Amino acid sequence: MGARSRCKLCQRQIDRAGHQVRCECGWVMDERCDENHHSWCPKHGDDRWVGAVEL
């Protein structure tokens, strides 16, 4: 069984490593949340201050 983690955005439990995406900023997310993350990623998003607050 793969590692279990929770999506940083929706808090959904991710059971299989194949369904998680790790951004270069270190966040682990559900593959469906990855697209929503880009605009406020703490490393490269246009609204990165939001991501910095969430860390």
PDB file of N, CA and C in Angstrom:
ATOM      1  N   MET A   1       0.835  -1.167   0.000  1.00  0.00           N
ATOM      2  CA  MET A   1       0.000   0.000   0.000  1.00  0.00           C
ATOM      3  C   MET A   1       0.888   1.241   0.000  1.00  0.00           C
ATOM      4  N   GLY A   2       0.500   2.267  -0.753  1.00  0.00           N
ATOM      5  CA  GLY A   2       1.288   3.483  -0.829  1.00  0.00           C
ATOM      6  C   GLY A   2       1.123   4.337   0.414  1.00  0.00           C
ATOM      7  N   ALA A   3       1.913   5.356   0.479  1.00  0.00           N
ATOM      8  CA  ALA A   3       1.875   6.265   1.619  1.00  0.00           C
ATOM      9  C   ALA A   3       0.555   7.025   1.633  1.00  0.00           C
ATOM     10  N   ARG A   4       0.023   7.252   2.821  1.00  0.00           N
ATOM     11  CA  ARG A   4      -1.210   8.023   2.969  1.00  0.00           C
ATOM     12  C   ARG A   4      -0.859   9.443   3.383  1.00  0.00           C
ATOM     13  N   SER A   5      -1.541  10.378   2.782  1.00  0.00           N
ATOM     14  CA  SER A   5      -1.359  11.770   3.157  1.00  0.00           C
ATOM     15  C   SER A   5      -2.663  12.503   2.882  1.00  0.00           C
ATOM     16  N   ARG A   6      -2.734  13.742   3.309  1.00  0.00           N
ATOM     17  CA  ARG A   6      -3.914  14.569   3.062  1.00  0.00           C
ATOM     18  C   ARG A   6      -3.542  15.702   2.121  1.00  0.00           C
ATOM     19  N   CYS A   7      -4.479  16.029   1.253  1.00  0.00           N
ATOM     20  CA  CYS A   7      -4.288  17.130   0.323  1.00  0.00           C
ATOM     21  C   CYS A   7      -4.213  18.431   1.110  1.00  0.00           C
ATOM     22  N   LYS A   8      -3.235  19.252   0.809  1.00  0.00           N
ATOM     23  CA  LYS A   8      -3.045  20.526   1.495  1.00  0.00           C
ATOM     24  C   LYS A   8      -4.206  21.490   1.227  1.00  0.00           C
ATOM     25  N   LEU A   9      -4.890  21.336   0.100  1.00  0.00           N
ATOM     26  CA  LEU A   9      -5.976  22.245  -0.242  1.00  0.00           C
ATOM     27  C   LEU A   9      -7.336  21.770   0.255  1.00  0.00           C
ATOM     28  N   CYS A  10      -7.720  20.545  -0.063  1.00  0.00           N
ATOM     29  CA  CYS A  10      -9.078  20.091   0.274  1.00  0.00           C
ATOM     30  C   CYS A  10      -9.109  19.167   1.491  1.00  0.00           C
ATOM     31  N   GLN A  11      -7.949  18.775   1.998  1.00  0.00           N
ATOM     32  CA  GLN A  11      -7.818  17.889   3.161  1.00  0.00           C
ATOM     33  C   GLN A  11      -8.333  16.469   2.908  1.00  0.00           C
ATOM     34  N   ARG A  12      -8.626  16.136   1.663  1.00  0.00           N
ATOM     35  CA  ARG A  12      -9.050  14.785   1.306  1.00  0.00           C
ATOM     36  C   ARG A  12      -7.875  13.835   1.506  1.00  0.00           C
ATOM     37  N   GLN A  13      -8.136  12.674   2.052  1.00  0.00           N
ATOM     38  CA  GLN A  13      -7.075  11.692   2.241  1.00  0.00           C
ATOM     39  C   GLN A  13      -6.712  11.082   0.896  1.00  0.00           C
ATOM     40  N   ILE A  14      -5.434  11.017   0.638  1.00  0.00           N
ATOM     41  CA  ILE A  14      -4.926  10.457  -0.611  1.00  0.00           C
ATOM     42  C   ILE A  14      -4.288   9.112  -0.271  1.00  0.00           C
ATOM     43  N   ASP A  15      -4.910   8.034  -0.715  1.00  0.00           N
ATOM     44  CA  ASP A  15      -4.448   6.697  -0.353  1.00  0.00           C
ATOM     45  C   ASP A  15      -3.309   6.187  -1.217  1.00  0.00           C
ATOM     46  N   ARG A  16      -3.334   6.516  -2.481  1.00  0.00           N
ATOM     47  CA  ARG A  16      -2.320   5.967  -3.388  1.00  0.00           C
ATOM     48  C   ARG A  16      -1.396   7.069  -3.888  1.00  0.00           C
ATOM     49  N   ALA A  17      -0.124   6.777  -3.881  1.00  0.00           N
ATOM     50  CA  ALA A  17       0.876   7.760  -4.309  1.00  0.00           C
ATOM     51  C   ALA A  17       0.631   8.223  -5.740  1.00  0.00           C
ATOM     52  N   GLY A  18       0.039   7.381  -6.570  1.00  0.00           N
ATOM     53  CA  GLY A  18      -0.238   7.746  -7.954  1.00  0.00           C
ATOM     54  C   GLY A  18      -1.293   8.817  -8.100  1.00  0.00           C
ATOM     55  N   HIS A  19      -2.052   9.079  -7.029  1.00  0.00           N
ATOM     56  CA  HIS A  19      -3.111  10.077  -7.074  1.00  0.00           C
ATOM     57  C   HIS A  19      -2.705  11.373  -6.398  1.00  0.00           C
ATOM     58  N   GLN A  20      -1.446  11.473  -6.008  1.00  0.00           N
ATOM     59  CA  GLN A  20      -0.996  12.705  -5.381  1.00  0.00           C
ATOM     60  C   GLN A  20       0.018  13.410  -6.261  1.00  0.00           C
ATOM     61  N   VAL A  21       0.022  14.708  -6.144  1.00  0.00           N
ATOM     62  CA  VAL A  21       0.946  15.548  -6.894  1.00  0.00           C
ATOM     63  C   VAL A  21       1.744  16.333  -5.865  1.00  0.00           C
ATOM     64  N   ARG A  22       3.042  16.373  -6.039  1.00  0.00           N
ATOM     65  CA  ARG A  22       3.888  17.173  -5.143  1.00  0.00           C
ATOM     66  C   ARG A  22       4.429  18.341  -5.949  1.00  0.00           C
ATOM     67  N   CYS A  23       4.065  19.530  -5.513  1.00  0.00           N
ATOM     68  CA  CYS A  23       4.534  20.751  -6.171  1.00  0.00           C
ATOM     69  C   CYS A  23       5.993  21.002  -5.779  1.00  0.00           C
ATOM     70  N   GLU A  24       6.680  21.808  -6.552  1.00  0.00           N
ATOM     71  CA  GLU A  24       8.063  22.156  -6.223  1.00  0.00           C
ATOM     72  C   GLU A  24       8.163  22.923  -4.910  1.00  0.00           C
ATOM     73  N   CYS A  25       7.059  23.497  -4.427  1.00  0.00           N
ATOM     74  CA  CYS A  25       7.069  24.200  -3.148  1.00  0.00           C
ATOM     75  C   CYS A  25       6.962  23.225  -1.979  1.00  0.00           C
ATOM     76  N   GLY A  26       6.660  21.948  -2.256  1.00  0.00           N
ATOM     77  CA  GLY A  26       6.590  20.942  -1.202  1.00  0.00           C
ATOM     78  C   GLY A  26       5.195  20.498  -0.833  1.00  0.00           C
ATOM     79  N   TRP A  27       4.174  21.185  -1.318  1.00  0.00           N
ATOM     80  CA  TRP A  27       2.805  20.801  -0.987  1.00  0.00           C
ATOM     81  C   TRP A  27       2.452  19.487  -1.657  1.00  0.00           C
ATOM     82  N   VAL A  28       1.764  18.617  -0.941  1.00  0.00           N
ATOM     83  CA  VAL A  28       1.215  17.382  -1.502  1.00  0.00           C
ATOM     84  C   VAL A  28      -0.268  17.617  -1.695  1.00  0.00           C
ATOM     85  N   MET A  29      -0.756  17.333  -2.900  1.00  0.00           N
ATOM     86  CA  MET A  29      -2.152  17.600  -3.220  1.00  0.00           C
ATOM     87  C   MET A  29      -2.780  16.453  -3.971  1.00  0.00           C
ATOM     88  N   ASP A  30      -4.097  16.406  -3.909  1.00  0.00           N
ATOM     89  CA  ASP A  30      -4.872  15.523  -4.764  1.00  0.00           C
ATOM     90  C   ASP A  30      -4.632  15.991  -6.201  1.00  0.00           C
ATOM     91  N   GLU A  31      -4.591  15.075  -7.131  1.00  0.00           N
ATOM     92  CA  GLU A  31      -4.303  15.471  -8.512  1.00  0.00           C
ATOM     93  C   GLU A  31      -5.328  16.462  -9.058  1.00  0.00           C
ATOM     94  N   ARG A  32      -6.549  16.443  -8.525  1.00  0.00           N
ATOM     95  CA  ARG A  32      -7.573  17.383  -8.986  1.00  0.00           C
ATOM     96  C   ARG A  32      -7.355  18.790  -8.444  1.00  0.00           C
ATOM     97  N   CYS A  33      -6.662  18.930  -7.339  1.00  0.00           N
ATOM     98  CA  CYS A  33      -6.422  20.249  -6.732  1.00  0.00           C
ATOM     99  C   CYS A  33      -5.177  20.935  -7.296  1.00  0.00           C
ATOM    100  N   ASP A  34      -4.347  20.187  -7.962  1.00  0.00           N
ATOM    101  CA  ASP A  34      -3.075  20.739  -8.449  1.00  0.00           C
ATOM    102  C   ASP A  34      -3.277  21.982  -9.306  1.00  0.00           C
ATOM    103  N   GLU A  35      -4.231  21.949 -10.216  1.00  0.00           N
ATOM    104  CA  GLU A  35      -4.463  23.087 -11.109  1.00  0.00           C
ATOM    105  C   GLU A  35      -4.892  24.333 -10.314  1.00  0.00           C
ATOM    106  N   ASN A  36      -5.699  24.156  -9.278  1.00  0.00           N
ATOM    107  CA  ASN A  36      -6.157  25.280  -8.460  1.00  0.00           C
ATOM    108  C   ASN A  36      -5.030  25.889  -7.637  1.00  0.00           C
ATOM    109  N   HIS A  37      -4.015  25.125  -7.350  1.00  0.00           N
ATOM    110  CA  HIS A  37      -2.903  25.562  -6.510  1.00  0.00           C
ATOM    111  C   HIS A  37      -1.973  26.553  -7.199  1.00  0.00           C
ATOM    112  N   HIS A  38      -1.829  26.460  -8.494  1.00  0.00           N
ATOM    113  CA  HIS A  38      -0.790  27.215  -9.197  1.00  0.00           C
ATOM    114  C   HIS A  38      -0.869  28.724  -9.024  1.00  0.00           C
ATOM    115  N   SER A  39      -2.055  29.294  -8.959  1.00  0.00           N
ATOM    116  CA  SER A  39      -2.133  30.759  -8.868  1.00  0.00           C
ATOM    117  C   SER A  39      -1.657  31.288  -7.519  1.00  0.00           C
ATOM    118  N   TRP A  40      -1.718  30.470  -6.464  1.00  0.00           N
ATOM    119  CA  TRP A  40      -1.238  30.950  -5.166  1.00  0.00           C
ATOM    120  C   TRP A  40      -0.201  30.047  -4.527  1.00  0.00           C
ATOM    121  N   CYS A  41       0.582  29.397  -5.361  1.00  0.00           N
ATOM    122  CA  CYS A  41       1.724  28.615  -4.886  1.00  0.00           C
ATOM    123  C   CYS A  41       2.718  29.561  -4.206  1.00  0.00           C
ATOM    124  N   PRO A  42       3.221  29.215  -3.005  1.00  0.00           N
ATOM    125  CA  PRO A  42       4.157  30.104  -2.318  1.00  0.00           C
ATOM    126  C   PRO A  42       5.464  30.334  -3.064  1.00  0.00           C
ATOM    127  N   LYS A  43       5.791  29.503  -4.046  1.00  0.00           N
ATOM    128  CA  LYS A  43       7.043  29.683  -4.793  1.00  0.00           C
ATOM    129  C   LYS A  43       6.875  30.498  -6.068  1.00  0.00           C
ATOM    130  N   HIS A  44       5.773  30.268  -6.804  1.00  0.00           N
ATOM    131  CA  HIS A  44       5.709  30.900  -8.128  1.00  0.00           C
ATOM    132  C   HIS A  44       4.335  31.417  -8.522  1.00  0.00           C
ATOM    133  N   GLY A  45       3.394  31.482  -7.615  1.00  0.00           N
ATOM    134  CA  GLY A  45       2.053  31.935  -7.960  1.00  0.00           C
ATOM    135  C   GLY A  45       1.919  33.442  -7.993  1.00  0.00           C
ATOM    136  N   ASP A  46       0.939  33.917  -8.744  1.00  0.00           N
ATOM    137  CA  ASP A  46       0.674  35.362  -8.815  1.00  0.00           C
ATOM    138  C   ASP A  46       0.204  35.894  -7.468  1.00  0.00           C
ATOM    139  N   ASP A  47      -0.552  35.087  -6.743  1.00  0.00           N
ATOM    140  CA  ASP A  47      -1.048  35.471  -5.416  1.00  0.00           C
ATOM    141  C   ASP A  47      -0.363  34.643  -4.346  1.00  0.00           C
ATOM    142  N   ARG A  48       0.960  34.562  -4.406  1.00  0.00           N
ATOM    143  CA  ARG A  48       1.720  33.660  -3.523  1.00  0.00           C
ATOM    144  C   ARG A  48       1.591  33.996  -2.043  1.00  0.00           C
ATOM    145  N   TRP A  49       1.180  35.194  -1.698  1.00  0.00           N
ATOM    146  CA  TRP A  49       0.998  35.544  -0.286  1.00  0.00           C
ATOM    147  C   TRP A  49      -0.067  34.648   0.367  1.00  0.00           C
ATOM    148  N   VAL A  50      -1.091  34.232  -0.408  1.00  0.00           N
ATOM    149  CA  VAL A  50      -2.129  33.354   0.143  1.00  0.00           C
ATOM    150  C   VAL A  50      -1.507  32.006   0.517  1.00  0.00           C
ATOM    151  N   GLY A  51      -0.692  31.454  -0.355  1.00  0.00           N
ATOM    152  CA  GLY A  51      -0.032  30.188  -0.073  1.00  0.00           C
ATOM    153  C   GLY A  51       0.928  30.285   1.102  1.00  0.00           C
ATOM    154  N   ALA A  52       1.595  31.415   1.227  1.00  0.00           N
ATOM    155  CA  ALA A  52       2.529  31.595   2.334  1.00  0.00           C
ATOM    156  C   ALA A  52       1.792  31.613   3.673  1.00  0.00           C
ATOM    157  N   VAL A  53       0.607  32.182   3.701  1.00  0.00           N
ATOM    158  CA  VAL A  53      -0.203  32.226   4.909  1.00  0.00           C
ATOM    159  C   VAL A  53      -0.675  30.823   5.270  1.00  0.00           C
ATOM    160  N   GLU A  54      -0.987  30.004   4.270  1.00  0.00           N
ATOM    161  CA  GLU A  54      -1.510  28.653   4.486  1.00  0.00           C
ATOM    162  C   GLU A  54      -0.450  27.675   4.970  1.00  0.00           C
ATOM    163  N   LEU A  55       0.825  27.974   4.756  1.00  0.00           N
ATOM    164  CA  LEU A  55       1.878  27.053   5.176  1.00  0.00           C
ATOM    165  C   LEU A  55       1.854  26.962   6.666  1.00  0.00           C
TER     166      LEU A  55
END
